[in-house]
């Protein structure tokens, strides 16, 4: 892009986050460059008040009004009731006609690995075979069947990210379900291709892949947060098509899609994870792509077309 293009100066965008830092600073700078005001708000500070006319929502900093749009950067963990309330605020904003980027429905689909696997499978998108259950007996039988066939499984937290809590298992014993929220989420292990294993992270924004990097780890876990070496570069076209299909299947405005190369897949890769609140610092460092600006431009052009972001922005985007 050759330079900032002003949007309507009256627009105000709320960045929902439980912590401020590099990502929120980049988003606020990108919004400011487009002429938009912004503020960071913790969903834990928002509330419902049906006496608060006309909409019954209290969003700190907006008085009796609402922001023009919301970007979801982070939702803090908590009790089941607390998380339900925070997601409820996002649902209510959407029901009030406020564009929420990504909205609560999409976040719920992507944060729950079992629902992600179901939706990808239903859409015909290649993923490793996956089983999720509460029954220890069923989980043990699955492990035994896979082990008898010479295959390993990976046990994952149902709600987790950054490669934390992953455990390879080959037959019994089954890891204690109490350490995994009393749920066994099992995925067939995909062996590395070649001597050095790797996977890919592709960032999809508005139905297009805007940045990609290959991640090489010392072991079988290739997350950047676990110390993987990240190499920016264009992904193969079939990988890009697969990533866009995955983001579309979950209804995400933007998503970090993790792919692992596999000779068994028609596209040459399987979808490992779909991240609906994706971090992009390492991806930006590896590629040099100004991702915050792409996110803001997609929000303004596709979700807030009435903002009249200006012909310069349209020309630059094209």
Protein backbone atom coordinates (compact mmCIF):
# COMPACT_ATOMS: atom_id res chain seq x y z
CA UNK A 1 0.00 0.00 0.00
CA UNK A 2 1.22 3.47 -0.88
CA UNK A 3 -0.18 5.25 2.15
CA UNK A 4 -3.15 5.68 4.46
CA UNK A 5 -6.58 6.43 3.09
CA UNK A 6 -8.96 8.19 5.45
CA UNK A 7 -12.24 6.66 6.48
CA UNK A 8 -15.08 8.47 8.15
CA UNK A 9 -13.69 10.35 11.14
CA UNK A 10 -16.86 9.54 13.09
CA UNK A 11 -16.21 5.79 13.10
CA UNK A 12 -15.19 4.23 16.39
CA UNK A 13 -14.01 0.62 16.64
CA UNK A 14 -13.85 -1.31 19.90
CA UNK A 15 -10.99 -3.81 20.20
CA UNK A 16 -12.14 -6.53 22.60
CA UNK A 17 -9.11 -7.85 24.45
CA UNK A 18 -8.13 -9.04 27.90
CA UNK A 19 -4.61 -7.68 27.48
CA UNK A 20 -2.98 -4.90 25.51
CA UNK A 21 0.35 -5.18 23.75
CA UNK A 22 1.93 -5.46 20.32
CA UNK A 23 -1.19 -6.71 18.51
CA UNK A 24 -3.55 -4.11 19.91
CA UNK A 25 -1.01 -1.33 19.27
CA UNK A 26 -0.75 -2.40 15.61
CA UNK A 27 -4.53 -2.50 15.24
CA UNK A 28 -4.99 0.92 16.80
CA UNK A 29 -2.30 2.41 14.55
CA UNK A 30 -3.95 0.89 11.46
CA UNK A 31 -7.36 2.22 12.51
CA UNK A 32 -5.90 5.65 13.20
CA UNK A 33 -4.32 5.69 9.74
CA UNK A 34 -7.77 5.10 8.27
CA UNK A 35 -9.28 7.93 10.28
CA UNK A 36 -11.03 5.72 12.84
CA UNK A 37 -11.08 6.15 16.59
CA UNK A 38 -10.52 3.05 18.71
CA UNK A 39 -10.37 1.87 22.29
CA UNK A 40 -9.40 -1.41 23.94
CA UNK A 41 -12.13 -2.96 26.06
CA UNK A 42 -12.14 -6.09 28.21
CA UNK A 43 -15.32 -8.09 27.70
CA UNK A 44 -15.28 -8.73 31.45
CA UNK A 45 -16.06 -5.02 31.91
CA UNK A 46 -19.12 -5.10 29.64
CA UNK A 47 -22.58 -5.93 30.94
CA UNK A 48 -26.25 -6.33 30.16
CA UNK A 49 -28.70 -3.78 31.61
CA UNK A 50 -32.20 -3.96 30.22
CA UNK A 51 -32.90 -0.53 31.71
CA UNK A 52 -30.08 0.90 29.59
CA UNK A 53 -32.15 2.05 26.63
CA UNK A 54 -32.44 1.56 23.80
CA UNK A 55 -30.41 -1.66 23.48
CA UNK A 56 -29.68 -2.97 27.00
CA UNK A 57 -25.89 -3.18 26.55
CA UNK A 58 -23.23 -1.28 28.47
CA UNK A 59 -19.88 -1.03 26.67
CA UNK A 60 -17.40 1.06 28.71
CA UNK A 61 -16.44 4.31 27.02
CA UNK A 62 -19.53 4.49 24.78
CA UNK A 63 -22.08 5.91 27.20
CA UNK A 64 -25.52 4.83 26.04
CA UNK A 65 -24.24 4.26 22.53
CA UNK A 66 -22.40 1.41 20.85
CA UNK A 67 -19.22 1.22 18.76
CA UNK A 68 -19.54 1.20 14.99
CA UNK A 69 -17.68 -2.11 14.83
CA UNK A 70 -15.83 -4.57 17.04
CA UNK A 71 -12.57 -6.44 16.47
CA UNK A 72 -12.13 -9.44 18.77
CA UNK A 73 -8.48 -9.75 19.79
CA UNK A 74 -8.83 -11.81 22.96
CA UNK A 75 -11.36 -13.34 25.34
CA UNK A 76 -10.11 -14.14 28.84
CA UNK A 77 -10.73 -17.56 30.28
CA UNK A 78 -12.92 -18.00 33.34
CA UNK A 79 -15.80 -20.01 34.69
CA UNK A 80 -18.33 -21.46 32.29
CA UNK A 81 -20.71 -18.67 33.33
CA UNK A 82 -18.13 -15.92 32.76
CA UNK A 83 -17.16 -17.13 29.30
CA UNK A 84 -20.83 -17.57 28.39
CA UNK A 85 -21.53 -13.98 29.41
CA UNK A 86 -18.59 -12.62 27.43
CA UNK A 87 -19.64 -14.50 24.32
CA UNK A 88 -23.19 -13.35 24.98
CA UNK A 89 -22.03 -9.73 24.78
CA UNK A 90 -20.56 -10.45 21.35
CA UNK A 91 -23.76 -12.20 20.27
CA UNK A 92 -25.80 -9.22 21.49
CA UNK A 93 -23.62 -6.74 19.59
CA UNK A 94 -24.18 -8.72 16.40
CA UNK A 95 -27.94 -8.85 17.08
CA UNK A 96 -27.82 -5.07 17.52
CA UNK A 97 -26.43 -4.68 14.00
CA UNK A 98 -22.80 -4.08 14.99
CA UNK A 99 -20.23 -5.85 12.79
CA UNK A 100 -18.17 -8.14 15.03
CA UNK A 101 -14.89 -9.34 13.50
CA UNK A 102 -14.78 -12.41 14.11
CA UNK A 103 -18.24 -12.83 15.60
CA UNK A 104 -19.12 -15.08 18.53
CA UNK A 105 -20.55 -17.87 16.39
CA UNK A 106 -17.34 -18.21 14.41
CA UNK A 107 -15.17 -18.02 17.54
CA UNK A 108 -17.24 -20.73 19.24
CA UNK A 109 -16.78 -23.00 16.22
CA UNK A 110 -13.03 -22.49 16.02
CA UNK A 111 -12.17 -22.60 19.72
CA UNK A 112 -13.85 -26.00 20.13
CA UNK A 113 -11.60 -28.48 18.33
CA UNK A 114 -14.34 -31.11 18.12
CA UNK A 115 -16.75 -28.72 16.38
CA UNK A 116 -13.94 -27.55 14.09
CA UNK A 117 -13.24 -31.16 13.09
CA UNK A 118 -16.95 -31.80 12.53
CA UNK A 119 -17.48 -28.73 10.34
CA UNK A 120 -14.35 -29.39 8.29
CA UNK A 121 -15.39 -33.02 7.78
CA UNK A 122 -18.90 -31.98 6.77
CA UNK A 123 -17.44 -29.56 4.22
CA UNK A 124 -15.29 -32.32 2.72
CA UNK A 125 -12.03 -30.70 3.84
CA UNK A 126 -9.14 -33.08 4.46
CA UNK A 127 -8.16 -33.38 8.12
CA UNK A 128 -6.52 -36.11 10.22
CA UNK A 129 -9.06 -38.63 11.52
CA UNK A 130 -10.42 -37.33 14.84
CA UNK A 131 -12.37 -38.76 17.77
CA UNK A 132 -13.78 -36.81 20.71
CA UNK A 133 -15.62 -38.37 23.66
CA UNK A 134 -16.10 -38.31 27.41
CA UNK A 135 -16.00 -42.09 27.77
CA UNK A 136 -12.65 -43.42 28.98
CA UNK A 137 -13.64 -46.91 27.78
CA UNK A 138 -14.35 -45.70 24.23
CA UNK A 139 -11.09 -43.74 24.17
CA UNK A 140 -9.10 -46.78 25.29
CA UNK A 141 -10.70 -48.95 22.61
CA UNK A 142 -9.81 -46.37 19.95
CA UNK A 143 -6.20 -46.30 21.14
CA UNK A 144 -5.98 -50.07 21.00
CA UNK A 145 -7.44 -50.24 17.48
CA UNK A 146 -5.10 -47.56 16.18
CA UNK A 147 -2.10 -49.19 17.86
CA UNK A 148 -3.04 -52.57 16.34
CA UNK A 149 -2.95 -50.87 12.93
CA UNK A 150 0.51 -49.41 13.68
CA UNK A 151 -0.73 -45.83 14.12
CA UNK A 152 -0.19 -43.22 16.82
CA UNK A 153 -2.65 -40.65 18.09
CA UNK A 154 -2.22 -37.15 19.45
CA UNK A 155 -4.23 -36.19 22.50
CA UNK A 156 -5.10 -32.50 22.63
CA UNK A 157 -6.92 -30.19 25.03
CA UNK A 158 -10.34 -29.46 23.55
CA UNK A 159 -9.74 -25.77 24.19
CA UNK A 160 -6.07 -25.00 23.66
CA UNK A 161 -3.55 -23.18 21.51
CA UNK A 162 0.16 -22.62 20.86
CA UNK A 163 0.93 -26.33 20.97
CA UNK A 164 0.35 -26.57 24.73
CA UNK A 165 -0.79 -29.87 26.24
CA UNK A 166 -0.22 -32.03 23.14
CA UNK A 167 0.74 -35.63 23.84
CA UNK A 168 1.53 -38.46 21.46
CA UNK A 169 0.09 -41.81 22.49
CA UNK A 170 0.62 -45.25 20.98
CA UNK A 171 -1.65 -47.74 22.68
CA UNK A 172 -2.35 -47.86 26.37
CA UNK A 173 -2.15 -46.33 28.90
CA UNK A 174 -4.55 -43.51 28.10
CA UNK A 175 -3.53 -40.17 29.63
CA UNK A 176 -5.70 -39.15 32.56
CA UNK A 177 -8.80 -37.39 31.23
CA UNK A 178 -8.86 -35.23 34.35
CA UNK A 179 -5.89 -33.38 32.86
CA UNK A 180 -7.91 -32.66 29.71
CA UNK A 181 -11.17 -31.37 31.14
CA UNK A 182 -12.59 -34.92 31.33
CA UNK A 183 -12.72 -35.08 27.52
CA UNK A 184 -10.57 -37.20 25.20
CA UNK A 185 -9.89 -35.35 21.95
CA UNK A 186 -7.78 -37.70 19.81
CA UNK A 187 -6.34 -37.03 16.38
CA UNK A 188 -4.41 -39.42 14.20
CA UNK A 189 -0.72 -38.51 14.15
CA UNK A 190 0.60 -37.41 10.75
CA UNK A 191 4.27 -38.43 10.24
CA UNK A 192 6.68 -35.84 8.91
CA UNK A 193 7.61 -35.84 5.25
CA UNK A 194 11.37 -36.04 4.86
CA UNK A 195 14.08 -35.70 7.47
CA UNK A 196 12.90 -32.31 8.78
CA UNK A 197 9.24 -32.07 9.73
CA UNK A 198 7.28 -28.92 9.13
CA UNK A 199 3.82 -27.49 8.84
CA UNK A 200 2.36 -24.29 7.40
CA UNK A 201 0.52 -21.34 8.91
CA UNK A 202 -1.61 -19.43 6.41
CA UNK A 203 -3.54 -16.31 7.34
CA UNK A 204 -6.83 -15.90 5.52
CA UNK A 205 -8.46 -12.46 5.52
CA UNK A 206 -11.76 -11.84 3.77
CA UNK A 207 -11.53 -15.04 1.75
CA UNK A 208 -7.94 -14.54 0.58
CA UNK A 209 -4.60 -15.82 1.82
CA UNK A 210 -2.60 -12.72 2.70
CA UNK A 211 0.49 -14.27 4.31
CA UNK A 212 2.05 -17.69 4.81
CA UNK A 213 5.02 -19.23 6.55
CA UNK A 214 6.54 -22.66 6.93
CA UNK A 215 7.31 -23.73 10.51
CA UNK A 216 10.11 -26.14 11.32
CA UNK A 217 10.41 -27.49 14.84
CA UNK A 218 13.08 -29.58 16.54
CA UNK A 219 10.45 -32.18 17.39
CA UNK A 220 7.02 -33.05 16.07
CA UNK A 221 5.34 -29.88 17.41
CA UNK A 222 5.86 -26.96 15.05
CA UNK A 223 4.12 -24.04 16.76
CA UNK A 224 6.02 -20.76 16.78
CA UNK A 225 5.27 -20.43 20.51
CA UNK A 226 7.15 -23.72 21.03
CA UNK A 227 10.30 -22.38 19.36
CA UNK A 228 9.75 -23.41 15.75
CA UNK A 229 11.82 -21.72 13.03
CA UNK A 230 9.47 -19.67 10.83
CA UNK A 231 10.19 -19.14 7.14
CA UNK A 232 7.98 -16.77 5.17
CA UNK A 233 7.05 -17.52 1.59
CA UNK A 234 4.21 -18.32 -0.75
CA UNK A 235 2.39 -21.56 0.00
CA UNK A 236 1.50 -23.97 -2.83
CA UNK A 237 -1.76 -22.97 -4.52
CA UNK A 238 -3.61 -26.12 -3.36
CA UNK A 239 -2.66 -25.21 0.24
CA UNK A 240 -4.10 -21.72 -0.25
CA UNK A 241 -7.36 -23.09 -1.63
CA UNK A 242 -7.58 -25.51 1.30
CA UNK A 243 -7.00 -22.72 3.84
CA UNK A 244 -9.70 -20.51 2.28
CA UNK A 245 -12.17 -23.39 2.29
CA UNK A 246 -11.43 -24.06 5.97
CA UNK A 247 -11.99 -20.44 6.98
CA UNK A 248 -15.22 -20.36 4.97
CA UNK A 249 -16.50 -23.59 6.53
CA UNK A 250 -16.29 -21.99 9.98
CA UNK A 251 -17.65 -18.61 8.90
CA UNK A 252 -14.51 -16.68 9.87
CA UNK A 253 -13.69 -13.17 8.67
CA UNK A 254 -10.03 -13.93 9.30
CA UNK A 255 -8.29 -17.08 10.47
CA UNK A 256 -4.92 -18.67 11.02
CA UNK A 257 -5.01 -22.05 9.29
CA UNK A 258 -2.43 -24.71 10.17
CA UNK A 259 -1.71 -27.29 7.46
CA UNK A 260 0.58 -30.30 7.50
CA UNK A 261 1.89 -31.82 4.25
CA UNK A 262 0.55 -35.31 3.56
CA UNK A 263 0.79 -37.61 0.57
CA UNK A 264 -2.57 -39.08 1.54
CA UNK A 265 -4.48 -35.84 0.86
CA UNK A 266 -5.59 -34.81 -2.62
CA UNK A 267 -4.46 -31.22 -1.96
CA UNK A 268 -1.13 -32.42 -0.58
CA UNK A 269 -1.94 -31.29 2.97
CA UNK A 270 -4.33 -31.81 5.87
CA UNK A 271 -5.90 -29.08 8.02
CA UNK A 272 -4.59 -29.45 11.57
CA UNK A 273 -6.04 -26.39 13.29
CA UNK A 274 -8.24 -23.36 12.60
CA UNK A 275 -7.55 -20.33 14.80
CA UNK A 276 -10.33 -17.76 15.07
CA UNK A 277 -8.38 -15.33 17.27
CA UNK A 278 -5.04 -15.81 15.58
CA UNK A 279 -1.84 -14.06 16.62
CA UNK A 280 0.30 -12.82 13.76
CA UNK A 281 3.48 -11.31 15.18
CA UNK A 282 5.77 -14.14 14.06
CA UNK A 283 4.00 -14.31 10.71
CA UNK A 284 4.54 -10.60 10.14
CA UNK A 285 8.18 -10.89 11.13
CA UNK A 286 8.66 -13.77 8.69
CA UNK A 287 6.85 -12.16 5.75
CA UNK A 288 7.02 -8.38 6.25
CA UNK A 289 3.28 -8.13 5.54
CA UNK A 290 1.46 -5.36 7.44
CA UNK A 291 -1.28 -7.64 8.69
CA UNK A 292 -3.07 -5.18 10.97
CA UNK A 293 -3.66 -2.85 8.03
CA UNK A 294 -5.06 -5.71 5.94
CA UNK A 295 -7.42 -6.66 8.78
CA UNK A 296 -8.65 -3.08 9.21
CA UNK A 297 -9.09 -2.57 5.47
CA UNK A 298 -11.11 -5.79 5.18
CA UNK A 299 -13.32 -4.69 8.07
CA UNK A 300 -13.95 -1.28 6.51
CA UNK A 301 -14.45 -2.41 2.93
CA UNK A 302 -16.36 -5.66 3.42
CA UNK A 303 -18.15 -5.30 6.76
CA UNK A 304 -18.56 -1.51 6.90
CA UNK A 305 -19.04 -0.45 3.28
CA UNK A 306 -21.22 2.45 4.43
CA UNK A 307 -18.13 3.96 6.01
CA UNK A 308 -17.07 5.12 2.54
CA UNK A 309 -13.43 4.37 3.24
CA UNK A 310 -12.53 6.36 0.16
CA UNK A 311 -11.59 5.65 -3.45
CA UNK A 312 -7.88 5.62 -2.59
CA UNK A 313 -8.40 2.69 -0.26
CA UNK A 314 -10.38 0.83 -2.90
CA UNK A 315 -7.65 1.47 -5.47
CA UNK A 316 -4.91 0.35 -3.10
CA UNK A 317 -6.82 -2.81 -2.14
CA UNK A 318 -7.35 -3.71 -5.78
